[in-house]
Amino acid sequence: MATGPALPSTPDPLPLGALSDPILVDPGPRLLRAVVEAYREAAPALVEPSVAELAGEAHGEGGEGDRDPSGLPPLNVFAGEPAVDAMTAGFRPASRLAALFDADAIDLRVLDTPQPNPVLVGAETGFALIGSERDGAGGETSEETTGAVSRWHRIGDDATLRKRYAPRFAAAEPYRLRTPSRRRVYEGFATRCDESVAAAVLRALDAEVGADSRGAAGPDSEETRIRAYAVGAREGALDRTLRRACEDAGLGSPSTFTRIKRLLREAELIETVSEPQPVGRPRERLAARGALAAAETAEETVAAVRGVTG
């Protein structure tokens, strides 16, 4: 990659690779979002690969350097759970962060006590990060929604900050992110089902339809599961195979998708068809009904399952 991730700051962008073993302390959702976006800009095929890129990888196409994490500087992030939960409230931002977890580019641990200001510390220096009023320091509005670019002022130069935060970070609990990366979703469905199902699942997760659109964030975790299972049913997957694919993709346990299956059946959007076997119990193959059966595009699939919730 030509350049590494850089934090939008004044007077100049701050390359995260310029600091040795950096720790970012107590970022709000806006700052954390900016960090993930910096990594995405530096390595888009790693952080947010398209369906075409993932399909190309499966066939040995595309450059390894486009998704090689070795050039990304690792960053330790010490953040409060409310901030991370707010930043990852949707499949798209959460899956980007998950990709950085998978690549060992970000180590995120839980900060119990809020700090006066966000802090970025390296091995030899440390400073506070203060958002400018012009860039909306008083709120956490997404740049993806507003189009504005937030920037932070670097204040101070204090080498003792390392001693204050490094031991606490080392002793802290890792943050458990329950949303998988796009690559894991694709590989889970491609392995258990096939590549066409994997591509259809991601297209459904990317789709935005009317009132179901969450802006740039994408579906929440429950809607993500419903969309994924509905796609598998529309494609006529075996029930057991689909539930295992959902598990491999990191979307939930098989029992979770037993519940999702029940919700879709109660909504009269799917049914099961028994297939007798020479030996053993019949297999259950899923079939779409109603609006789901008529859906031909990702947007129509999402519209068909609108309102199906637990």
C-alpha atoms as a PDB file:
ATOM      1  CA  MET A   1       0.000   0.000   0.000  1.00  0.00           C
ATOM      2  CA  ALA A   2       1.276   3.455  -0.806  1.00  0.00           C
ATOM      3  CA  THR A   3       0.460   5.152   2.491  1.00  0.00           C
ATOM      4  CA  GLY A   4      -0.566   3.960   5.908  1.00  0.00           C
ATOM      5  CA  PRO A   5      -3.557   5.029   7.990  1.00  0.00           C
ATOM      6  CA  ALA A   6      -3.406   8.577   9.320  1.00  0.00           C
ATOM      7  CA  LEU A   7      -5.556  10.267  11.925  1.00  0.00           C
ATOM      8  CA  PRO A   8      -7.222  13.467  10.643  1.00  0.00           C
ATOM      9  CA  SER A   9      -5.609  16.011  12.931  1.00  0.00           C
ATOM     10  CA  THR A  10      -4.203  19.527  12.858  1.00  0.00           C
ATOM     11  CA  PRO A  11      -1.946  20.987  11.718  1.00  0.00           C
ATOM     12  CA  ASP A  12      -1.211  17.856   9.634  1.00  0.00           C
ATOM     13  CA  PRO A  13      -2.637  14.328   9.438  1.00  0.00           C
ATOM     14  CA  LEU A  14      -0.910  12.057  11.954  1.00  0.00           C
ATOM     15  CA  PRO A  15       0.352   8.734  10.497  1.00  0.00           C
ATOM     16  CA  LEU A  16      -0.434   6.080  13.080  1.00  0.00           C
ATOM     17  CA  GLY A  17       2.722   4.266  12.061  1.00  0.00           C
ATOM     18  CA  ALA A  18       4.788   7.220  13.315  1.00  0.00           C
ATOM     19  CA  LEU A  19       4.177   6.171  16.926  1.00  0.00           C
ATOM     20  CA  SER A  20       5.776   3.139  18.519  1.00  0.00           C
ATOM     21  CA  ASP A  21       3.259   0.703  20.061  1.00  0.00           C
ATOM     22  CA  PRO A  22       0.507   3.352  20.236  1.00  0.00           C
ATOM     23  CA  ILE A  23      -2.462   3.265  22.600  1.00  0.00           C
ATOM     24  CA  LEU A  24      -5.579   5.317  21.829  1.00  0.00           C
ATOM     25  CA  VAL A  25      -7.409   5.988  25.096  1.00  0.00           C
ATOM     26  CA  ASP A  26     -11.117   6.755  25.497  1.00  0.00           C
ATOM     27  CA  PRO A  27     -12.089   7.653  21.923  1.00  0.00           C
ATOM     28  CA  GLY A  28     -15.726   8.591  21.398  1.00  0.00           C
ATOM     29  CA  PRO A  29     -17.682   7.002  18.543  1.00  0.00           C
ATOM     30  CA  ARG A  30     -16.676   9.787  16.153  1.00  0.00           C
ATOM     31  CA  LEU A  31     -12.946   9.418  16.809  1.00  0.00           C
ATOM     32  CA  LEU A  32     -13.108   5.632  16.737  1.00  0.00           C
ATOM     33  CA  ARG A  33     -15.010   5.824  13.456  1.00  0.00           C
ATOM     34  CA  ALA A  34     -12.304   8.102  12.044  1.00  0.00           C
ATOM     35  CA  VAL A  35      -9.602   5.602  13.010  1.00  0.00           C
ATOM     36  CA  VAL A  36     -11.380   2.707  11.305  1.00  0.00           C
ATOM     37  CA  GLU A  37     -12.006   4.882   8.252  1.00  0.00           C
ATOM     38  CA  ALA A  38      -8.280   5.694   8.104  1.00  0.00           C
ATOM     39  CA  TYR A  39      -7.485   1.987   7.976  1.00  0.00           C
ATOM     40  CA  ARG A  40     -10.198   1.437   5.362  1.00  0.00           C
ATOM     41  CA  GLU A  41      -8.753   4.139   3.139  1.00  0.00           C
ATOM     42  CA  ALA A  42      -5.288   2.599   3.468  1.00  0.00           C
ATOM     43  CA  ALA A  43      -6.413  -0.983   2.804  1.00  0.00           C
ATOM     44  CA  PRO A  44      -9.967  -1.066   1.366  1.00  0.00           C
ATOM     45  CA  ALA A  45      -9.771  -4.636   0.044  1.00  0.00           C
ATOM     46  CA  LEU A  46      -8.845  -5.844   3.520  1.00  0.00           C
ATOM     47  CA  VAL A  47     -11.258  -3.772   5.587  1.00  0.00           C
ATOM     48  CA  GLU A  48     -14.307  -3.621   3.305  1.00  0.00           C
ATOM     49  CA  PRO A  49     -13.888  -5.940   0.297  1.00  0.00           C
ATOM     50  CA  SER A  50     -16.568  -5.893  -2.392  1.00  0.00           C
ATOM     51  CA  VAL A  51     -18.433  -9.006  -3.470  1.00  0.00           C
ATOM     52  CA  ALA A  52     -16.405  -9.013  -6.694  1.00  0.00           C
ATOM     53  CA  GLU A  53     -13.120  -8.832  -4.755  1.00  0.00           C
ATOM     54  CA  LEU A  54     -14.119 -11.696  -2.474  1.00  0.00           C
ATOM     55  CA  ALA A  55     -15.196 -13.806  -5.443  1.00  0.00           C
ATOM     56  CA  GLY A  56     -11.885 -13.028  -7.148  1.00  0.00           C
ATOM     57  CA  GLU A  57      -9.962 -14.116  -4.054  1.00  0.00           C
ATOM     58  CA  ALA A  58     -11.854 -17.402  -4.028  1.00  0.00           C
ATOM     59  CA  HIS A  59     -10.599 -18.045  -7.561  1.00  0.00           C
ATOM     60  CA  GLY A  60      -7.050 -16.919  -6.900  1.00  0.00           C
ATOM     61  CA  GLU A  61      -7.490 -13.551  -8.594  1.00  0.00           C
ATOM     62  CA  GLY A  62      -6.511 -10.123  -7.278  1.00  0.00           C
ATOM     63  CA  GLY A  63      -3.291  -8.965  -5.654  1.00  0.00           C
ATOM     64  CA  GLU A  64      -2.250 -10.332  -2.271  1.00  0.00           C
ATOM     65  CA  GLY A  65      -0.921  -6.870  -1.376  1.00  0.00           C
ATOM     66  CA  ASP A  66      -4.444  -5.447  -1.509  1.00  0.00           C
ATOM     67  CA  ARG A  67      -5.428  -7.459   1.546  1.00  0.00           C
ATOM     68  CA  ASP A  68      -2.054  -8.038   3.230  1.00  0.00           C
ATOM     69  CA  PRO A  69      -2.244  -6.707   6.808  1.00  0.00           C
ATOM     70  CA  SER A  70       1.540  -6.723   7.315  1.00  0.00           C
ATOM     71  CA  GLY A  71       1.861  -3.110   6.164  1.00  0.00           C
ATOM     72  CA  LEU A  72      -0.757  -1.827   8.600  1.00  0.00           C
ATOM     73  CA  PRO A  73       0.568  -0.386  11.869  1.00  0.00           C
ATOM     74  CA  PRO A  74      -1.033  -2.118  14.858  1.00  0.00           C
ATOM     75  CA  LEU A  75      -3.043   0.086  17.202  1.00  0.00           C
ATOM     76  CA  ASN A  76      -4.136  -0.610  20.770  1.00  0.00           C
ATOM     77  CA  VAL A  77      -7.501   0.949  21.541  1.00  0.00           C
ATOM     78  CA  PHE A  78      -8.660   1.420  25.149  1.00  0.00           C
ATOM     79  CA  ALA A  79     -12.329   2.430  24.824  1.00  0.00           C
ATOM     80  CA  GLY A  80     -15.526   2.522  26.815  1.00  0.00           C
ATOM     81  CA  GLU A  81     -18.158  -0.021  25.810  1.00  0.00           C
ATOM     82  CA  PRO A  82     -20.869   2.623  25.169  1.00  0.00           C
ATOM     83  CA  ALA A  83     -18.647   4.351  22.615  1.00  0.00           C
ATOM     84  CA  VAL A  84     -17.814   1.118  20.801  1.00  0.00           C
ATOM     85  CA  ASP A  85     -21.433  -0.043  20.884  1.00  0.00           C
ATOM     86  CA  ALA A  86     -22.552   3.259  19.339  1.00  0.00           C
ATOM     87  CA  MET A  87     -19.877   3.143  16.644  1.00  0.00           C
ATOM     88  CA  THR A  88     -20.701  -0.477  15.694  1.00  0.00           C
ATOM     89  CA  ALA A  89     -24.513  -0.113  15.657  1.00  0.00           C
ATOM     90  CA  GLY A  90     -24.908  -1.502  12.151  1.00  0.00           C
ATOM     91  CA  PHE A  91     -23.360  -4.214  10.007  1.00  0.00           C
ATOM     92  CA  ARG A  92     -21.146  -1.966   7.888  1.00  0.00           C
ATOM     93  CA  PRO A  93     -19.109  -0.129  10.558  1.00  0.00           C
ATOM     94  CA  ALA A  94     -19.024  -3.204  12.783  1.00  0.00           C
ATOM     95  CA  SER A  95     -17.786  -5.459   9.968  1.00  0.00           C
ATOM     96  CA  ARG A  96     -14.984  -2.990   9.173  1.00  0.00           C
ATOM     97  CA  LEU A  97     -13.804  -3.117  12.770  1.00  0.00           C
ATOM     98  CA  ALA A  98     -14.122  -6.919  12.710  1.00  0.00           C
ATOM     99  CA  ALA A  99     -11.845  -7.053   9.669  1.00  0.00           C
ATOM    100  CA  LEU A 100      -9.204  -5.128  11.601  1.00  0.00           C
ATOM    101  CA  PHE A 101      -9.590  -7.557  14.508  1.00  0.00           C
ATOM    102  CA  ASP A 102      -9.122 -10.479  12.114  1.00  0.00           C
ATOM    103  CA  ALA A 103      -5.961  -8.874  10.718  1.00  0.00           C
ATOM    104  CA  ASP A 104      -4.583  -8.156  14.223  1.00  0.00           C
ATOM    105  CA  ALA A 105      -4.382  -4.489  13.245  1.00  0.00           C
ATOM    106  CA  ILE A 106      -6.481  -3.309  16.208  1.00  0.00           C
ATOM    107  CA  ASP A 107      -6.461  -4.696  19.741  1.00  0.00           C
ATOM    108  CA  LEU A 108      -9.542  -3.263  21.463  1.00  0.00           C
ATOM    109  CA  ARG A 109      -9.972  -3.508  25.217  1.00  0.00           C
ATOM    110  CA  VAL A 110     -12.605  -2.184  27.596  1.00  0.00           C
ATOM    111  CA  LEU A 111     -11.988   1.025  29.532  1.00  0.00           C
ATOM    112  CA  ASP A 112     -14.064   1.189  32.714  1.00  0.00           C
ATOM    113  CA  THR A 113     -13.502   4.822  33.672  1.00  0.00           C
ATOM    114  CA  PRO A 114     -14.043   7.769  31.275  1.00  0.00           C
ATOM    115  CA  GLN A 115     -11.075  10.115  30.862  1.00  0.00           C
ATOM    116  CA  PRO A 116     -11.171  13.935  30.608  1.00  0.00           C
ATOM    117  CA  ASN A 117     -10.117  13.780  26.935  1.00  0.00           C
ATOM    118  CA  PRO A 118      -9.118  11.160  24.395  1.00  0.00           C
ATOM    119  CA  VAL A 119      -5.391  10.473  24.569  1.00  0.00           C
ATOM    120  CA  LEU A 120      -2.926   8.969  22.098  1.00  0.00           C
ATOM    121  CA  VAL A 121       0.327   7.681  23.577  1.00  0.00           C
ATOM    122  CA  GLY A 122       3.404   6.136  22.014  1.00  0.00           C
ATOM    123  CA  ALA A 123       6.518   4.689  23.596  1.00  0.00           C
ATOM    124  CA  GLU A 124       8.150   8.120  23.899  1.00  0.00           C
ATOM    125  CA  THR A 125       5.367  10.682  23.799  1.00  0.00           C
ATOM    126  CA  GLY A 126       1.691  11.234  24.442  1.00  0.00           C
ATOM    127  CA  PHE A 127      -0.903  13.921  23.912  1.00  0.00           C
ATOM    128  CA  ALA A 128      -4.588  14.729  24.267  1.00  0.00           C
ATOM    129  CA  LEU A 129      -6.841  14.874  21.224  1.00  0.00           C
ATOM    130  CA  ILE A 130      -9.319  17.743  21.214  1.00  0.00           C
ATOM    131  CA  GLY A 131     -11.997  18.034  18.539  1.00  0.00           C
ATOM    132  CA  SER A 132     -12.492  21.442  16.952  1.00  0.00           C
ATOM    133  CA  GLU A 133     -15.864  23.214  17.289  1.00  0.00           C
ATOM    134  CA  ARG A 134     -15.995  23.700  13.531  1.00  0.00           C
ATOM    135  CA  ASP A 135     -15.856  19.970  13.054  1.00  0.00           C
ATOM    136  CA  GLY A 136     -18.667  19.232  15.471  1.00  0.00           C
ATOM    137  CA  ALA A 137     -16.838  18.405  18.670  1.00  0.00           C
ATOM    138  CA  GLY A 138     -20.108  18.655  20.561  1.00  0.00           C
ATOM    139  CA  GLY A 139     -21.709  15.697  18.807  1.00  0.00           C
ATOM    140  CA  GLU A 140     -21.028  12.284  17.357  1.00  0.00           C
ATOM    141  CA  THR A 141     -22.647  12.764  13.944  1.00  0.00           C
ATOM    142  CA  SER A 142     -21.330  10.317  11.355  1.00  0.00           C
ATOM    143  CA  GLU A 143     -19.140  11.756   8.607  1.00  0.00           C
ATOM    144  CA  GLU A 144     -20.779   9.188   6.326  1.00  0.00           C
ATOM    145  CA  THR A 145     -24.104  10.945   6.897  1.00  0.00           C
ATOM    146  CA  THR A 146     -22.999  14.575   6.922  1.00  0.00           C
ATOM    147  CA  GLY A 147     -20.058  14.476   4.505  1.00  0.00           C
ATOM    148  CA  ALA A 148     -18.004  16.539   6.967  1.00  0.00           C
ATOM    149  CA  VAL A 149     -14.494  15.466   7.979  1.00  0.00           C
ATOM    150  CA  SER A 150     -13.773  15.743  11.691  1.00  0.00           C
ATOM    151  CA  ARG A 151     -10.289  16.708  12.820  1.00  0.00           C
ATOM    152  CA  TRP A 152      -8.542  16.695  16.188  1.00  0.00           C
ATOM    153  CA  HIS A 153      -5.966  19.024  17.698  1.00  0.00           C
ATOM    154  CA  ARG A 154      -2.945  17.384  19.336  1.00  0.00           C
ATOM    155  CA  ILE A 155      -2.333  19.000  22.740  1.00  0.00           C
ATOM    156  CA  GLY A 156       0.791  18.486  24.843  1.00  0.00           C
ATOM    157  CA  ASP A 157       3.806  16.170  24.794  1.00  0.00           C
ATOM    158  CA  ASP A 158       3.886  13.996  27.879  1.00  0.00           C
ATOM    159  CA  ALA A 159       5.995  10.824  27.949  1.00  0.00           C
ATOM    160  CA  THR A 160       4.616   9.878  31.398  1.00  0.00           C
ATOM    161  CA  LEU A 161       1.217   9.089  29.885  1.00  0.00           C
ATOM    162  CA  ARG A 162       2.649   5.739  28.795  1.00  0.00           C
ATOM    163  CA  LYS A 163       3.198   4.677  32.403  1.00  0.00           C
ATOM    164  CA  ARG A 164      -0.341   5.733  33.274  1.00  0.00           C
ATOM    165  CA  TYR A 165      -2.183   3.775  30.600  1.00  0.00           C
ATOM    166  CA  ALA A 166      -0.019   0.863  29.392  1.00  0.00           C
ATOM    167  CA  PRO A 167      -0.414  -1.286  32.553  1.00  0.00           C
ATOM    168  CA  ARG A 168      -4.167  -0.642  32.669  1.00  0.00           C
ATOM    169  CA  PHE A 169      -4.526  -1.588  29.018  1.00  0.00           C
ATOM    170  CA  ALA A 170      -2.552  -4.807  29.515  1.00  0.00           C
ATOM    171  CA  ALA A 171      -4.849  -5.825  32.392  1.00  0.00           C
ATOM    172  CA  ALA A 172      -8.135  -4.895  30.670  1.00  0.00           C
ATOM    173  CA  GLU A 173     -10.661  -7.285  29.137  1.00  0.00           C
ATOM    174  CA  PRO A 174     -10.857  -7.580  25.337  1.00  0.00           C
ATOM    175  CA  TYR A 175     -13.983  -6.151  23.726  1.00  0.00           C
ATOM    176  CA  ARG A 176     -16.230  -8.864  22.303  1.00  0.00           C
ATOM    177  CA  LEU A 177     -17.472  -7.809  18.898  1.00  0.00           C
ATOM    178  CA  ARG A 178     -20.446  -9.916  17.818  1.00  0.00           C
ATOM    179  CA  THR A 179     -20.459  -8.834  14.170  1.00  0.00           C
ATOM    180  CA  PRO A 180     -18.193 -10.662  11.705  1.00  0.00           C
ATOM    181  CA  SER A 181     -16.150  -9.178   8.903  1.00  0.00           C
ATOM    182  CA  ARG A 182     -17.448  -9.257   5.333  1.00  0.00           C
ATOM    183  CA  ARG A 183     -14.761 -11.781   4.428  1.00  0.00           C
ATOM    184  CA  ARG A 184     -15.824 -14.154   7.193  1.00  0.00           C
ATOM    185  CA  VAL A 185     -19.476 -13.899   6.113  1.00  0.00           C
ATOM    186  CA  TYR A 186     -18.572 -14.648   2.501  1.00  0.00           C
ATOM    187  CA  GLU A 187     -16.275 -17.559   3.350  1.00  0.00           C
ATOM    188  CA  GLY A 188     -18.770 -19.107   5.771  1.00  0.00           C
ATOM    189  CA  PHE A 189     -21.553 -19.247   3.185  1.00  0.00           C
ATOM    190  CA  ALA A 190     -19.261 -20.096   0.265  1.00  0.00           C
ATOM    191  CA  THR A 191     -17.858 -23.111   2.131  1.00  0.00           C
ATOM    192  CA  ARG A 192     -21.130 -24.522   3.468  1.00  0.00           C
ATOM    193  CA  CYS A 193     -23.405 -23.531   0.579  1.00  0.00           C
ATOM    194  CA  ASP A 194     -21.724 -22.050  -2.495  1.00  0.00           C
ATOM    195  CA  GLU A 195     -20.305 -18.793  -3.789  1.00  0.00           C
ATOM    196  CA  SER A 196     -23.573 -17.632  -5.334  1.00  0.00           C
ATOM    197  CA  VAL A 197     -25.311 -17.879  -1.949  1.00  0.00           C
ATOM    198  CA  ALA A 198     -22.386 -16.078  -0.267  1.00  0.00           C
ATOM    199  CA  ALA A 199     -22.592 -13.242  -2.797  1.00  0.00           C
ATOM    200  CA  ALA A 200     -26.369 -13.000  -2.434  1.00  0.00           C
ATOM    201  CA  VAL A 201     -26.081 -12.774   1.364  1.00  0.00           C
ATOM    202  CA  LEU A 202     -23.627  -9.879   1.191  1.00  0.00           C
ATOM    203  CA  ARG A 203     -25.727  -8.056  -1.397  1.00  0.00           C
ATOM    204  CA  ALA A 204     -28.730  -8.360   0.921  1.00  0.00           C
ATOM    205  CA  LEU A 205     -26.694  -6.997   3.828  1.00  0.00           C
ATOM    206  CA  ASP A 206     -25.617  -4.066   1.653  1.00  0.00           C
ATOM    207  CA  ALA A 207     -29.140  -3.307   0.437  1.00  0.00           C
ATOM    208  CA  GLU A 208     -31.086  -0.313   1.713  1.00  0.00           C
ATOM    209  CA  VAL A 209     -34.839  -0.282   1.246  1.00  0.00           C
ATOM    210  CA  GLY A 210     -37.191   2.486   2.337  1.00  0.00           C
ATOM    211  CA  ALA A 211     -37.849   2.624   6.038  1.00  0.00           C
ATOM    212  CA  ASP A 212     -35.495  -0.300   6.679  1.00  0.00           C
ATOM    213  CA  SER A 213     -32.490   1.757   5.594  1.00  0.00           C
ATOM    214  CA  ARG A 214     -30.177   2.605   8.482  1.00  0.00           C
ATOM    215  CA  GLY A 215     -28.282   5.139   6.402  1.00  0.00           C
ATOM    216  CA  ALA A 216     -24.659   4.193   5.995  1.00  0.00           C
ATOM    217  CA  ALA A 217     -24.671   1.835   8.983  1.00  0.00           C
ATOM    218  CA  GLY A 218     -26.636  -1.046   7.450  1.00  0.00           C
ATOM    219  CA  PRO A 219     -28.834  -3.565   9.293  1.00  0.00           C
ATOM    220  CA  ASP A 220     -28.590  -4.216  13.025  1.00  0.00           C
ATOM    221  CA  SER A 221     -27.604  -7.673  14.290  1.00  0.00           C
ATOM    222  CA  GLU A 222     -31.119  -9.124  14.337  1.00  0.00           C
ATOM    223  CA  GLU A 223     -31.956  -7.843  10.868  1.00  0.00           C
ATOM    224  CA  THR A 224     -28.591  -9.119   9.613  1.00  0.00           C
ATOM    225  CA  ARG A 225     -29.484 -12.639  10.732  1.00  0.00           C
ATOM    226  CA  ILE A 226     -32.966 -12.443   9.219  1.00  0.00           C
ATOM    227  CA  ARG A 227     -31.645 -11.213   5.879  1.00  0.00           C
ATOM    228  CA  ALA A 228     -28.936 -13.892   5.724  1.00  0.00           C
ATOM    229  CA  TYR A 229     -31.280 -16.764   6.562  1.00  0.00           C
ATOM    230  CA  ALA A 230     -33.946 -15.456   4.172  1.00  0.00           C
ATOM    231  CA  VAL A 231     -31.413 -15.430   1.330  1.00  0.00           C
ATOM    232  CA  GLY A 232     -30.474 -19.035   2.064  1.00  0.00           C
ATOM    233  CA  ALA A 233     -34.121 -20.052   2.088  1.00  0.00           C
ATOM    234  CA  ARG A 234     -34.751 -18.234  -1.186  1.00  0.00           C
ATOM    235  CA  GLU A 235     -31.807 -20.146  -2.671  1.00  0.00           C
ATOM    236  CA  GLY A 236     -33.276 -23.488  -1.514  1.00  0.00           C
ATOM    237  CA  ALA A 237     -30.544 -24.419   0.956  1.00  0.00           C
ATOM    238  CA  LEU A 238     -30.824 -27.365   3.314  1.00  0.00           C
ATOM    239  CA  ASP A 239     -31.915 -26.149   6.744  1.00  0.00           C
ATOM    240  CA  ARG A 240     -29.061 -27.811   8.647  1.00  0.00           C
ATOM    241  CA  THR A 241     -26.489 -26.658   6.112  1.00  0.00           C
ATOM    242  CA  LEU A 242     -27.769 -23.089   6.254  1.00  0.00           C
ATOM    243  CA  ARG A 243     -27.727 -22.940  10.032  1.00  0.00           C
ATOM    244  CA  ARG A 244     -24.138 -24.239  10.042  1.00  0.00           C
ATOM    245  CA  ALA A 245     -23.190 -21.682   7.382  1.00  0.00           C
ATOM    246  CA  CYS A 246     -24.630 -18.901   9.544  1.00  0.00           C
ATOM    247  CA  GLU A 247     -22.573 -20.185  12.474  1.00  0.00           C
ATOM    248  CA  ASP A 248     -19.367 -20.406  10.408  1.00  0.00           C
ATOM    249  CA  ALA A 249     -20.028 -16.872   9.157  1.00  0.00           C
ATOM    250  CA  GLY A 250     -20.079 -15.604  12.750  1.00  0.00           C
ATOM    251  CA  LEU A 251     -23.716 -14.530  12.701  1.00  0.00           C
ATOM    252  CA  GLY A 252     -24.937 -16.695  15.575  1.00  0.00           C
ATOM    253  CA  SER A 253     -25.364 -20.231  16.838  1.00  0.00           C
ATOM    254  CA  PRO A 254     -27.539 -22.879  15.124  1.00  0.00           C
ATOM    255  CA  SER A 255     -30.102 -22.437  17.903  1.00  0.00           C
ATOM    256  CA  THR A 256     -30.267 -18.716  17.139  1.00  0.00           C
ATOM    257  CA  PHE A 257     -31.200 -19.550  13.567  1.00  0.00           C
ATOM    258  CA  THR A 258     -33.774 -22.070  14.698  1.00  0.00           C
ATOM    259  CA  ARG A 259     -35.506 -19.005  16.167  1.00  0.00           C
ATOM    260  CA  ILE A 260     -34.999 -17.004  12.966  1.00  0.00           C
ATOM    261  CA  LYS A 261     -36.481 -19.891  10.992  1.00  0.00           C
ATOM    262  CA  ARG A 262     -39.547 -19.847  13.263  1.00  0.00           C
ATOM    263  CA  LEU A 263     -40.015 -16.099  12.763  1.00  0.00           C
ATOM    264  CA  LEU A 264     -39.912 -16.435   8.979  1.00  0.00           C
ATOM    265  CA  ARG A 265     -42.308 -19.400   9.049  1.00  0.00           C
ATOM    266  CA  GLU A 266     -44.756 -17.500  11.238  1.00  0.00           C
ATOM    267  CA  ALA A 267     -44.571 -14.643   8.739  1.00  0.00           C
ATOM    268  CA  GLU A 268     -45.422 -17.194   5.997  1.00  0.00           C
ATOM    269  CA  LEU A 269     -42.256 -16.382   4.095  1.00  0.00           C
ATOM    270  CA  ILE A 270     -40.616 -19.819   4.183  1.00  0.00           C
ATOM    271  CA  GLU A 271     -41.537 -23.484   4.401  1.00  0.00           C
ATOM    272  CA  THR A 272     -39.606 -26.735   4.572  1.00  0.00           C
ATOM    273  CA  VAL A 273     -39.794 -29.651   2.180  1.00  0.00           C
ATOM    274  CA  SER A 274     -38.719 -33.119   3.343  1.00  0.00           C
ATOM    275  CA  GLU A 275     -36.353 -35.051   1.102  1.00  0.00           C
ATOM    276  CA  PRO A 276     -36.314 -38.814   1.834  1.00  0.00           C
ATOM    277  CA  GLN A 277     -32.866 -40.420   2.085  1.00  0.00           C
ATOM    278  CA  PRO A 278     -31.861 -44.050   1.423  1.00  0.00           C
ATOM    279  CA  VAL A 279     -30.564 -44.218   4.985  1.00  0.00           C
ATOM    280  CA  GLY A 280     -31.452 -42.072   7.968  1.00  0.00           C
ATOM    281  CA  ARG A 281     -33.938 -39.303   8.559  1.00  0.00           C
ATOM    282  CA  PRO A 282     -35.266 -37.132   5.719  1.00  0.00           C
ATOM    283  CA  ARG A 283     -33.471 -33.877   5.063  1.00  0.00           C
ATOM    284  CA  GLU A 284     -35.319 -30.578   5.313  1.00  0.00           C
ATOM    285  CA  ARG A 285     -34.835 -28.231   2.379  1.00  0.00           C
ATOM    286  CA  LEU A 286     -36.001 -24.646   2.712  1.00  0.00           C
ATOM    287  CA  ALA A 287     -38.292 -22.979   0.209  1.00  0.00           C
ATOM    288  CA  ALA A 288     -39.378 -19.366  -0.010  1.00  0.00           C
ATOM    289  CA  ARG A 289     -43.035 -18.347   0.019  1.00  0.00           C
ATOM    290  CA  GLY A 290     -45.025 -15.220  -0.725  1.00  0.00           C
ATOM    291  CA  ALA A 291     -43.086 -12.011  -1.231  1.00  0.00           C
ATOM    292  CA  LEU A 292     -39.782 -13.762  -0.527  1.00  0.00           C
ATOM    293  CA  ALA A 293     -40.407 -16.295  -3.279  1.00  0.00           C
ATOM    294  CA  ALA A 294     -41.196 -13.462  -5.685  1.00  0.00           C
ATOM    295  CA  ALA A 295     -38.061 -11.468  -4.772  1.00  0.00           C
ATOM    296  CA  GLU A 296     -35.546 -11.235  -7.608  1.00  0.00           C
ATOM    297  CA  THR A 297     -33.135  -8.625  -6.261  1.00  0.00           C
ATOM    298  CA  ALA A 298     -31.404  -7.949  -2.983  1.00  0.00           C
ATOM    299  CA  GLU A 299     -33.644  -4.937  -2.407  1.00  0.00           C
ATOM    300  CA  GLU A 300     -36.777  -7.009  -2.984  1.00  0.00           C
ATOM    301  CA  THR A 301     -35.505  -9.674  -0.610  1.00  0.00           C
ATOM    302  CA  VAL A 302     -34.947  -7.071   2.123  1.00  0.00           C
ATOM    303  CA  ALA A 303     -38.377  -5.543   1.481  1.00  0.00           C
ATOM    304  CA  ALA A 304     -39.975  -8.992   1.780  1.00  0.00           C
ATOM    305  CA  VAL A 305     -38.613  -9.542   5.305  1.00  0.00           C
ATOM    306  CA  ARG A 306     -39.290  -6.006   6.486  1.00  0.00           C
ATOM    307  CA  GLY A 307     -40.885  -6.037   9.899  1.00  0.00           C
ATOM    308  CA  VAL A 308     -39.927  -9.637  10.761  1.00  0.00           C
ATOM    309  CA  THR A 309     -38.535  -9.294  14.265  1.00  0.00           C
ATOM    310  CA  GLY A 310     -38.372 -11.275  17.438  1.00  0.00           C
END
